[in-house]
Amino acid sequence: MWVTWLDRWQFGMTTVYHFLFVPLTIGLAFLISIMETLYIIKGDRVYLRMAKFWGKLFLINFALGVVTGIMQEFQFGMNWSSYSRFVGDVFGAPLAIESLAAFFLESAFIGVWLFGWNHVPRKVHLLSIWMVAFGVSLSAFWILTANAFMQEPVGYAVINGRAQMNSFGALITNPQLRVEFPHVWLGAITTGSFFVAGVSAYYLLRRRETALFAKSFRIAIYAGLISSLLVAVVGHAQGQLLIHSQPMKMAASEALWHTSPYHAPWSLVAWIDSAHHRNPIDIEIPYALSILSYNHTYGSVPGIDELQAQYIRQYGPGNYVPSVWVTFWTFRLMVFAGSLMILLALYGAFRGLRDDEWLVKRRKYLKIMVWAIALPYIANTTGWLMTEMGRQPWAVNGLLKTIDSISPTVGAPLVLMTILGFGIVYLAFAVIDVYLFYQFIHRGPDADDGPDEMDPTDTLRTIEPQI
């Protein structure tokens, strides 16, 4: 039991840390693509300097994301070998495609974009950053294909005690993937948007490079508004899927101990007494849970106790209830952070239509936007904690329990030692990341980014041999 607990802590720690970099990589790649596109269309060199400045921060984030991501796949063989043996024939395929196709695609075009200034035609250079944005999104798709299988296993058959893929099409059309990928991808765009808006606000507060960062802020706030609204829409669809695919997770996220009445209320906040399966304090919004679950004011939602009894009959004796407290509150923190982002983006988008000077004078709002950089990270982290903790005790929902997934030969002392080792290494990475970000943000856009360094003739420059 201790080994399972430590293995889960190690995987959770490294995964949450790695996912601090992934959304920002996706979001920044998309926004930089828009900035360079505007430069090509308008010919305004402000957009060129903008793309180069954010590109430097993107490269720092991308590099650290790659390093922290390597350990994720190694852990399946080190600490979760029983899991890998059982579902490796299914789970390994999308991860292999991600490594061999998507990652190499994005890496190759990052090289073209980074070293191609003034050496490739403008449109080719523009295509390279769009291909980077496509590549990082494609990586997310294949990783989430693997994760969606854990949430809702499809396209497999158990043969000789192992899950083997029998339909690749079913794997990539998984109902869970259809809502999970857009939710994560749009959340990544929101992350990049609020990062760009927050750093731009930092410059506007100091009246540095006002023309550049006012434009940068507007691009980010409009992208953030659209993406945050769509995150809420897709998240609503994802919640409705839980009613059918993972009803226990849905019940735990609402601390719903007993099947709800026909017109189900939604708990805004509650004091959860897990020992006695009740909520002594529960502030509810009438009909809201039925609306969230079924899009109308009627519809009962299964409760934890009834589902526990059903799972005992279906899977045998055991505790099938996840941590209700964690699932309940992480869901509400995610919703709270998302709601704040929508409100801040709405204000900035509609009031920010005025001139740059008006934006610079909104100092309170700009200060809030600097701190609002943290909001998407809170939403991303709590969302994943709710998703993964709410699935317990399953590693693969309804198919393989977490306790049966660990490596039988890796003891608790070794896992604890690696947790401490990873913690020290990841702390060093965090210091490096913050230091590099601070240095580049403090320095600002380089003065020599102003001239157009791309070949204006749209032809490859001839390199004459030196004698």
Protein backbone atom coordinates (compact mmCIF):
# COMPACT_ATOMS: atom_id res chain seq x y z
CA MET A 1 0.00 0.00 0.00
CA TRP A 2 2.83 2.40 0.85
CA VAL A 3 4.52 1.67 -2.47
CA THR A 4 1.34 2.44 -4.40
CA TRP A 5 0.93 5.68 -2.46
CA LEU A 6 4.53 6.74 -3.15
CA ASP A 7 4.29 5.76 -6.82
CA ARG A 8 1.18 7.86 -7.20
CA TRP A 9 2.85 10.82 -5.50
CA GLN A 10 5.87 10.54 -7.74
CA PHE A 11 3.84 10.33 -10.91
CA GLY A 12 1.53 13.11 -9.78
CA MET A 13 4.42 15.39 -8.87
CA THR A 14 6.28 14.93 -12.15
CA THR A 15 3.11 15.13 -14.25
CA VAL A 16 1.83 18.33 -12.66
CA TYR A 17 5.28 19.89 -12.98
CA HIS A 18 5.59 18.88 -16.63
CA PHE A 19 2.14 20.24 -17.38
CA LEU A 20 3.19 23.69 -16.23
CA PHE A 21 5.16 23.93 -19.50
CA VAL A 22 2.91 22.13 -22.00
CA PRO A 23 -0.04 24.56 -22.17
CA LEU A 24 2.23 27.58 -22.42
CA THR A 25 4.15 25.94 -25.27
CA ILE A 26 0.95 25.32 -27.22
CA GLY A 27 -0.51 28.73 -26.46
CA LEU A 28 2.63 30.74 -27.26
CA ALA A 29 3.20 28.87 -30.54
CA PHE A 30 -0.33 29.75 -31.65
CA LEU A 31 -0.05 33.43 -30.65
CA ILE A 32 3.40 33.87 -32.21
CA SER A 33 1.98 32.42 -35.44
CA ILE A 34 -0.75 35.08 -35.38
CA MET A 35 1.80 37.84 -34.69
CA GLU A 36 4.04 36.85 -37.58
CA THR A 37 1.03 36.49 -39.86
CA LEU A 38 0.01 40.07 -39.01
CA TYR A 39 3.54 41.19 -39.83
CA ILE A 40 3.40 39.52 -43.25
CA ILE A 41 -0.06 40.97 -43.97
CA LYS A 42 0.42 44.50 -42.63
CA GLY A 43 4.16 44.95 -43.03
CA ASP A 44 4.29 46.59 -39.59
CA ARG A 45 7.65 45.79 -37.98
CA VAL A 46 6.15 46.09 -34.53
CA TYR A 47 4.64 42.65 -35.13
CA LEU A 48 8.05 41.34 -36.21
CA ARG A 49 9.67 42.50 -32.98
CA MET A 50 6.70 41.11 -31.08
CA ALA A 51 7.06 37.66 -32.65
CA LYS A 52 10.79 37.58 -31.91
CA PHE A 53 10.36 38.66 -28.29
CA TRP A 54 7.69 36.07 -27.45
CA GLY A 55 9.62 33.53 -29.50
CA LYS A 56 12.53 33.71 -27.06
CA LEU A 57 10.25 32.95 -24.12
CA PHE A 58 8.63 30.17 -26.13
CA LEU A 59 12.00 28.50 -26.77
CA ILE A 60 12.95 28.60 -23.07
CA ASN A 61 9.62 27.06 -22.11
CA PHE A 62 9.77 24.47 -24.89
CA ALA A 63 13.25 23.29 -23.89
CA LEU A 64 12.32 22.79 -20.25
CA GLY A 65 9.07 21.12 -21.25
CA VAL A 66 10.94 18.57 -23.32
CA VAL A 67 13.38 17.79 -20.50
CA THR A 68 10.63 17.33 -17.90
CA GLY A 69 8.53 15.29 -20.30
CA ILE A 70 11.17 12.64 -20.90
CA MET A 71 10.73 11.26 -17.39
CA GLN A 72 7.00 10.78 -17.90
CA GLU A 73 7.34 7.87 -20.32
CA PHE A 74 10.26 6.32 -18.42
CA GLN A 75 8.08 6.00 -15.34
CA PHE A 76 5.74 3.59 -17.10
CA GLY A 77 8.59 1.12 -17.30
CA MET A 78 10.16 1.90 -13.93
CA ASN A 79 7.29 2.23 -11.48
CA TRP A 80 4.30 1.02 -13.48
CA SER A 81 5.56 -2.07 -15.28
CA SER A 82 2.43 -4.12 -14.50
CA TYR A 83 0.38 -1.37 -16.09
CA SER A 84 2.68 -1.30 -19.12
CA ARG A 85 2.52 -5.07 -19.56
CA PHE A 86 -1.28 -5.11 -19.40
CA VAL A 87 -2.17 -2.13 -21.64
CA GLY A 88 1.14 -1.40 -23.39
CA ASP A 89 -0.10 -2.76 -26.74
CA VAL A 90 -2.87 -0.15 -26.70
CA PHE A 91 -1.39 2.68 -24.66
CA GLY A 92 2.02 2.56 -26.32
CA ALA A 93 0.80 3.15 -29.88
CA PRO A 94 -0.32 6.80 -29.52
CA LEU A 95 2.75 7.61 -27.41
CA ALA A 96 5.01 6.12 -30.08
CA ILE A 97 3.28 8.16 -32.78
CA GLU A 98 3.67 11.26 -30.66
CA SER A 99 7.40 10.69 -30.25
CA LEU A 100 8.19 9.58 -33.81
CA ALA A 101 5.91 11.93 -35.74
CA ALA A 102 4.56 14.92 -33.84
CA PHE A 103 7.63 15.66 -31.71
CA PHE A 104 10.04 15.41 -34.65
CA LEU A 105 7.70 17.58 -36.74
CA GLU A 106 7.64 20.39 -34.20
CA SER A 107 11.37 20.07 -33.46
CA ALA A 108 12.34 20.26 -37.15
CA PHE A 109 10.24 23.32 -37.85
CA ILE A 110 11.43 25.04 -34.67
CA GLY A 111 14.90 24.79 -36.20
CA VAL A 112 13.67 26.35 -39.45
CA TRP A 113 11.93 29.14 -37.57
CA LEU A 114 14.83 29.83 -35.19
CA PHE A 115 17.65 29.78 -37.74
CA GLY A 116 15.69 30.77 -40.84
CA TRP A 117 15.50 34.52 -40.24
CA ASN A 118 16.97 36.17 -43.33
CA HIS A 119 17.70 32.78 -44.91
CA VAL A 120 14.32 31.53 -46.09
CA PRO A 121 11.46 33.37 -47.81
CA ARG A 122 8.97 35.16 -45.59
CA LYS A 123 6.11 32.80 -46.34
CA VAL A 124 8.27 29.75 -45.73
CA HIS A 125 9.34 31.21 -42.41
CA LEU A 126 5.72 31.93 -41.54
CA LEU A 127 4.76 28.39 -42.51
CA SER A 128 7.44 27.04 -40.17
CA ILE A 129 5.94 28.66 -37.05
CA TRP A 130 2.45 27.52 -38.02
CA MET A 131 3.85 24.00 -38.41
CA VAL A 132 5.35 24.30 -34.94
CA ALA A 133 1.93 25.27 -33.60
CA PHE A 134 0.39 22.33 -35.45
CA GLY A 135 3.12 19.97 -34.23
CA VAL A 136 2.77 20.82 -30.54
CA SER A 137 -1.01 20.50 -30.85
CA LEU A 138 -0.60 17.15 -32.57
CA SER A 139 1.64 15.99 -29.72
CA ALA A 140 -1.10 16.91 -27.28
CA PHE A 141 -3.64 14.99 -29.37
CA TRP A 142 -1.70 11.71 -29.24
CA ILE A 143 -0.89 12.02 -25.54
CA LEU A 144 -4.53 12.74 -24.79
CA THR A 145 -5.52 9.76 -26.95
CA ALA A 146 -3.59 7.61 -24.49
CA ASN A 147 -5.11 9.38 -21.51
CA ALA A 148 -8.63 9.15 -22.93
CA PHE A 149 -8.19 5.37 -23.08
CA MET A 150 -7.49 5.41 -19.34
CA GLN A 151 -10.69 7.37 -18.76
CA GLU A 152 -12.88 5.40 -21.18
CA PRO A 153 -11.20 2.28 -22.60
CA VAL A 154 -12.27 1.49 -26.18
CA GLY A 155 -10.83 -0.33 -29.19
CA TYR A 156 -9.31 -3.24 -27.29
CA ALA A 157 -9.80 -6.89 -26.44
CA VAL A 158 -8.29 -8.78 -23.49
CA ILE A 159 -6.32 -11.72 -24.91
CA ASN A 160 -4.15 -13.98 -22.74
CA GLY A 161 -4.51 -11.62 -19.82
CA ARG A 162 -3.43 -8.51 -21.73
CA ALA A 163 -5.34 -5.69 -23.41
CA GLN A 164 -4.59 -5.64 -27.12
CA MET A 165 -5.74 -3.07 -29.66
CA ASN A 166 -8.34 -4.32 -32.11
CA SER A 167 -9.49 -0.97 -33.52
CA PHE A 168 -7.21 2.02 -33.98
CA GLY A 169 -10.18 3.96 -35.35
CA ALA A 170 -12.09 3.43 -32.11
CA LEU A 171 -9.08 4.69 -30.17
CA ILE A 172 -8.88 8.02 -32.02
CA THR A 173 -12.66 8.52 -32.07
CA ASN A 174 -13.03 7.81 -28.36
CA PRO A 175 -15.96 9.91 -27.02
CA GLN A 176 -13.73 10.99 -24.13
CA LEU A 177 -11.06 12.22 -26.56
CA ARG A 178 -13.62 14.24 -28.52
CA VAL A 179 -14.23 16.45 -25.49
CA GLU A 180 -10.90 16.10 -23.66
CA PHE A 181 -8.64 17.27 -26.48
CA PRO A 182 -10.55 20.49 -27.29
CA HIS A 183 -10.84 21.24 -23.57
CA VAL A 184 -7.09 20.88 -23.00
CA TRP A 185 -6.11 22.61 -26.26
CA LEU A 186 -8.36 25.61 -25.65
CA GLY A 187 -7.08 25.74 -22.07
CA ALA A 188 -3.57 25.94 -23.49
CA ILE A 189 -4.53 28.85 -25.74
CA THR A 190 -5.99 30.55 -22.67
CA THR A 191 -2.75 29.91 -20.77
CA GLY A 192 -0.63 31.46 -23.51
CA SER A 193 -3.03 34.37 -23.86
CA PHE A 194 -3.02 35.28 -20.18
CA PHE A 195 0.76 34.90 -20.04
CA VAL A 196 1.20 37.30 -22.96
CA ALA A 197 -1.42 39.68 -21.57
CA GLY A 198 0.14 39.61 -18.10
CA VAL A 199 3.68 40.28 -19.29
CA SER A 200 2.38 42.98 -21.66
CA ALA A 201 0.57 44.56 -18.71
CA TYR A 202 3.87 44.57 -16.81
CA TYR A 203 5.46 46.67 -19.58
CA LEU A 204 2.45 48.95 -19.94
CA LEU A 205 2.54 49.71 -16.21
CA ARG A 206 6.12 50.90 -16.70
CA ARG A 207 5.33 52.65 -20.00
CA ARG A 208 8.01 50.67 -21.79
CA GLU A 209 7.54 49.85 -25.49
CA THR A 210 3.92 50.97 -25.24
CA ALA A 211 3.14 50.65 -28.95
CA LEU A 212 4.41 47.08 -29.07
CA PHE A 213 2.89 45.77 -25.87
CA ALA A 214 -0.47 47.48 -26.31
CA LYS A 215 -0.87 45.57 -29.57
CA SER A 216 0.46 42.44 -27.93
CA PHE A 217 -2.03 42.84 -25.07
CA ARG A 218 -4.97 43.21 -27.43
CA ILE A 219 -4.06 40.11 -29.45
CA ALA A 220 -3.75 38.12 -26.23
CA ILE A 221 -6.92 39.41 -24.57
CA TYR A 222 -9.09 38.68 -27.61
CA ALA A 223 -7.60 35.20 -27.95
CA GLY A 224 -8.04 34.70 -24.21
CA LEU A 225 -11.68 35.76 -24.31
CA ILE A 226 -12.59 33.43 -27.17
CA SER A 227 -10.64 30.47 -25.80
CA SER A 228 -11.84 30.84 -22.19
CA LEU A 229 -15.48 30.98 -23.31
CA LEU A 230 -15.00 27.90 -25.48
CA VAL A 231 -13.25 26.09 -22.62
CA ALA A 232 -16.40 26.56 -20.56
CA VAL A 233 -18.61 25.26 -23.40
CA VAL A 234 -16.46 22.17 -24.01
CA GLY A 235 -16.06 21.61 -20.28
CA HIS A 236 -19.83 21.54 -19.97
CA ALA A 237 -19.97 18.82 -22.64
CA GLN A 238 -17.21 16.93 -20.86
CA GLY A 239 -19.18 17.03 -17.61
CA GLN A 240 -22.25 15.62 -19.35
CA LEU A 241 -20.17 12.75 -20.69
CA LEU A 242 -19.15 11.85 -17.13
CA ILE A 243 -22.75 11.01 -16.27
CA HIS A 244 -22.50 8.05 -18.63
CA SER A 245 -18.80 7.14 -18.74
CA GLN A 246 -17.62 7.87 -15.16
CA PRO A 247 -20.66 8.46 -12.94
CA MET A 248 -18.63 7.93 -9.76
CA LYS A 249 -16.31 10.78 -10.71
CA MET A 250 -19.31 12.99 -11.38
CA ALA A 251 -20.88 12.08 -8.02
CA ALA A 252 -17.60 12.70 -6.17
CA SER A 253 -17.12 16.08 -7.86
CA GLU A 254 -20.50 17.08 -6.42
CA ALA A 255 -20.08 15.30 -3.04
CA LEU A 256 -23.38 13.64 -3.92
CA TRP A 257 -23.64 10.79 -1.41
CA HIS A 258 -27.12 9.66 -2.41
CA THR A 259 -28.88 9.73 -5.76
CA SER A 260 -30.25 13.20 -6.31
CA PRO A 261 -33.94 14.09 -6.55
CA TYR A 262 -35.55 14.44 -9.98
CA HIS A 263 -34.73 18.16 -9.99
CA ALA A 264 -31.09 18.04 -8.84
CA PRO A 265 -29.51 21.08 -7.13
CA TRP A 266 -25.83 21.94 -7.54
CA SER A 267 -23.60 22.45 -4.50
CA LEU A 268 -21.87 25.78 -4.64
CA VAL A 269 -19.85 25.05 -1.48
CA ALA A 270 -20.17 22.28 1.08
CA TRP A 271 -18.66 20.98 4.30
CA ILE A 272 -17.92 17.34 3.49
CA ASP A 273 -18.11 14.64 6.16
CA SER A 274 -16.69 11.63 4.34
CA ALA A 275 -16.74 9.44 7.46
CA HIS A 276 -20.53 9.66 7.76
CA HIS A 277 -21.28 10.19 4.05
CA ARG A 278 -23.04 13.49 4.49
CA ASN A 279 -22.57 17.23 4.02
CA PRO A 280 -23.53 19.07 7.25
CA ILE A 281 -23.27 22.42 5.44
CA ASP A 282 -24.33 22.57 1.79
CA ILE A 283 -25.17 25.76 -0.11
CA GLU A 284 -27.09 24.66 -3.21
CA ILE A 285 -28.39 26.25 -6.39
CA PRO A 286 -31.77 24.66 -7.25
CA TYR A 287 -32.05 22.71 -10.53
CA ALA A 288 -28.47 23.61 -11.51
CA LEU A 289 -27.03 20.07 -11.43
CA SER A 290 -29.82 18.77 -13.66
CA ILE A 291 -29.15 21.63 -16.08
CA LEU A 292 -25.40 20.94 -16.06
CA SER A 293 -25.98 17.22 -16.56
CA TYR A 294 -28.88 17.13 -19.01
CA ASN A 295 -29.41 20.71 -20.28
CA HIS A 296 -32.84 20.90 -18.66
CA THR A 297 -34.21 21.32 -15.16
CA TYR A 298 -35.08 17.69 -14.57
CA GLY A 299 -32.95 14.57 -14.39
CA SER A 300 -31.60 12.55 -11.48
CA VAL A 301 -27.85 12.06 -10.91
CA PRO A 302 -26.56 8.78 -9.36
CA GLY A 303 -25.08 9.07 -5.86
CA ILE A 304 -21.84 7.71 -4.41
CA ASP A 305 -23.41 5.12 -2.09
CA GLU A 306 -25.62 3.65 -4.79
CA LEU A 307 -22.74 3.51 -7.26
CA GLN A 308 -20.47 1.86 -4.67
CA ALA A 309 -23.04 -0.90 -4.16
CA GLN A 310 -23.40 -1.29 -7.93
CA TYR A 311 -19.61 -1.57 -8.44
CA ILE A 312 -19.27 -4.17 -5.70
CA ARG A 313 -21.79 -6.31 -7.56
CA GLN A 314 -20.04 -5.60 -10.87
CA TYR A 315 -16.34 -5.77 -9.95
CA GLY A 316 -16.26 -7.52 -6.59
CA PRO A 317 -15.48 -6.33 -3.05
CA GLY A 318 -13.50 -3.11 -2.68
CA ASN A 319 -13.68 0.62 -2.17
CA TYR A 320 -14.57 2.35 -5.44
CA VAL A 321 -14.99 5.84 -3.99
CA PRO A 322 -12.26 8.38 -4.86
CA SER A 323 -11.19 11.16 -2.54
CA VAL A 324 -14.43 13.13 -2.44
CA TRP A 325 -12.89 16.18 -0.76
CA VAL A 326 -10.14 16.50 -3.39
CA THR A 327 -12.46 15.88 -6.35
CA PHE A 328 -15.11 18.28 -5.06
CA TRP A 329 -12.81 21.22 -4.34
CA THR A 330 -10.45 20.88 -7.30
CA PHE A 331 -13.48 21.04 -9.59
CA ARG A 332 -14.68 24.25 -7.92
CA LEU A 333 -11.25 25.84 -7.97
CA MET A 334 -11.04 25.09 -11.69
CA VAL A 335 -14.45 26.64 -12.32
CA PHE A 336 -13.65 29.67 -10.14
CA ALA A 337 -10.35 30.35 -11.93
CA GLY A 338 -12.01 29.89 -15.32
CA SER A 339 -14.83 32.27 -14.43
CA LEU A 340 -12.36 34.95 -13.31
CA MET A 341 -10.48 34.61 -16.60
CA ILE A 342 -13.67 35.09 -18.59
CA LEU A 343 -14.59 38.23 -16.61
CA LEU A 344 -11.11 39.73 -16.92
CA ALA A 345 -10.95 38.96 -20.63
CA LEU A 346 -14.42 40.43 -21.20
CA TYR A 347 -13.44 43.67 -19.51
CA GLY A 348 -10.14 43.93 -21.37
CA ALA A 349 -11.64 43.04 -24.76
CA PHE A 350 -14.53 45.48 -24.66
CA ARG A 351 -12.89 48.36 -22.79
CA GLY A 352 -9.55 47.85 -24.53
CA LEU A 353 -10.99 48.87 -27.90
CA ARG A 354 -9.99 52.43 -27.10
CA ASP A 355 -6.56 53.97 -27.77
CA ASP A 356 -3.29 52.87 -26.18
CA GLU A 357 -3.27 55.74 -23.73
CA TRP A 358 -6.61 54.63 -22.26
CA LEU A 359 -5.18 51.16 -21.73
CA VAL A 360 -2.04 52.49 -20.06
CA LYS A 361 -4.16 54.51 -17.61
CA ARG A 362 -6.07 51.44 -16.40
CA ARG A 363 -3.37 50.69 -13.84
CA LYS A 364 -5.50 48.67 -11.44
CA TYR A 365 -6.66 46.41 -14.23
CA LEU A 366 -3.12 46.01 -15.56
CA LYS A 367 -1.86 45.08 -12.08
CA ILE A 368 -4.59 42.46 -11.81
CA MET A 369 -3.64 41.08 -15.22
CA VAL A 370 -0.02 40.62 -14.10
CA TRP A 371 -1.20 38.43 -11.22
CA ALA A 372 -3.82 36.79 -13.46
CA ILE A 373 -0.99 34.92 -15.20
CA ALA A 374 -1.46 32.38 -12.40
CA LEU A 375 -5.17 31.76 -13.10
CA PRO A 376 -4.82 29.35 -16.06
CA TYR A 377 -2.15 27.41 -14.18
CA ILE A 378 -4.54 27.03 -11.24
CA ALA A 379 -7.31 25.92 -13.60
CA ASN A 380 -5.06 23.49 -15.51
CA THR A 381 -3.61 21.91 -12.39
CA THR A 382 -6.86 21.53 -10.47
CA GLY A 383 -8.59 20.26 -13.60
CA TRP A 384 -6.06 17.48 -14.02
CA LEU A 385 -6.13 16.62 -10.32
CA MET A 386 -9.90 16.29 -10.52
CA THR A 387 -9.65 14.19 -13.69
CA GLU A 388 -7.04 11.76 -12.37
CA MET A 389 -7.96 11.63 -8.67
CA GLY A 390 -11.63 11.29 -9.53
CA ARG A 391 -10.89 8.12 -11.52
CA GLN A 392 -9.41 6.26 -8.57
CA PRO A 393 -9.13 3.43 -7.66
CA TRP A 394 -8.73 2.73 -11.39
CA ALA A 395 -5.62 3.20 -13.50
CA VAL A 396 -7.76 2.25 -16.52
CA ASN A 397 -11.38 2.88 -15.71
CA GLY A 398 -13.25 -0.36 -15.02
CA LEU A 399 -10.39 -2.45 -16.38
CA LEU A 400 -7.23 -2.20 -14.24
CA LYS A 401 -6.88 -0.93 -10.68
CA THR A 402 -4.04 1.38 -9.68
CA ILE A 403 -2.86 -0.99 -6.95
CA ASP A 404 -2.44 -3.73 -9.60
CA SER A 405 -0.45 -1.46 -11.93
CA ILE A 406 2.76 -0.86 -9.98
CA SER A 407 6.09 -2.58 -10.50
CA PRO A 408 6.30 -5.55 -8.11
CA THR A 409 10.08 -5.38 -7.72
CA VAL A 410 10.40 -1.64 -6.94
CA GLY A 411 10.19 -1.10 -3.18
CA ALA A 412 9.13 1.94 -1.19
CA PRO A 413 12.71 3.07 -0.26
CA LEU A 414 13.72 3.25 -3.92
CA VAL A 415 10.59 5.16 -4.89
CA LEU A 416 11.09 7.59 -2.01
CA MET A 417 14.70 8.13 -3.07
CA THR A 418 13.65 8.92 -6.65
CA ILE A 419 10.95 11.30 -5.39
CA LEU A 420 13.62 13.23 -3.49
CA GLY A 421 15.98 13.09 -6.47
CA PHE A 422 13.37 14.28 -8.94
CA GLY A 423 12.31 16.97 -6.49
CA ILE A 424 15.83 18.38 -6.32
CA VAL A 425 16.31 18.26 -10.10
CA TYR A 426 12.91 19.79 -10.80
CA LEU A 427 13.55 22.52 -8.25
CA ALA A 428 16.76 23.35 -10.11
CA PHE A 429 14.80 23.46 -13.37
CA ALA A 430 12.29 25.81 -11.75
CA VAL A 431 15.06 28.17 -10.64
CA ILE A 432 16.58 28.14 -14.13
CA ASP A 433 13.21 28.73 -15.76
CA VAL A 434 12.28 31.66 -13.51
CA TYR A 435 15.76 33.18 -13.87
CA LEU A 436 15.74 32.98 -17.68
CA PHE A 437 12.20 34.31 -17.92
CA TYR A 438 13.04 37.18 -15.58
CA GLN A 439 16.19 38.07 -17.54
CA PHE A 440 14.49 38.13 -20.94
CA ILE A 441 11.35 39.89 -19.69
CA HIS A 442 13.37 42.48 -17.77
CA ARG A 443 15.60 43.17 -20.76
CA GLY A 444 12.65 43.49 -23.15
CA PRO A 445 12.64 43.34 -26.93
CA ASP A 446 16.06 43.82 -28.45
CA ALA A 447 16.60 47.12 -30.20
CA ASP A 448 18.05 45.35 -33.24
CA ASP A 449 14.79 43.45 -33.70
CA GLY A 450 13.35 46.52 -35.35
CA PRO A 451 14.84 46.21 -38.86
CA ASP A 452 13.32 43.56 -41.08
CA GLU A 453 15.85 40.73 -40.96
CA MET A 454 13.87 38.52 -43.31
CA ASP A 455 14.66 38.48 -46.99
CA PRO A 456 12.22 41.01 -48.52
CA THR A 457 12.57 39.46 -51.99
CA ASP A 458 11.05 36.14 -50.83
CA THR A 459 13.94 34.29 -52.42
CA LEU A 460 16.67 32.26 -50.81
CA ARG A 461 19.78 34.31 -50.29
CA THR A 462 22.87 33.05 -52.08
CA ILE A 463 25.81 32.38 -49.79
CA GLU A 464 28.97 33.24 -51.69
CA PRO A 465 32.03 31.13 -50.95
CA GLN A 466 34.79 32.90 -49.09
CA ILE A 467 38.28 32.54 -50.53
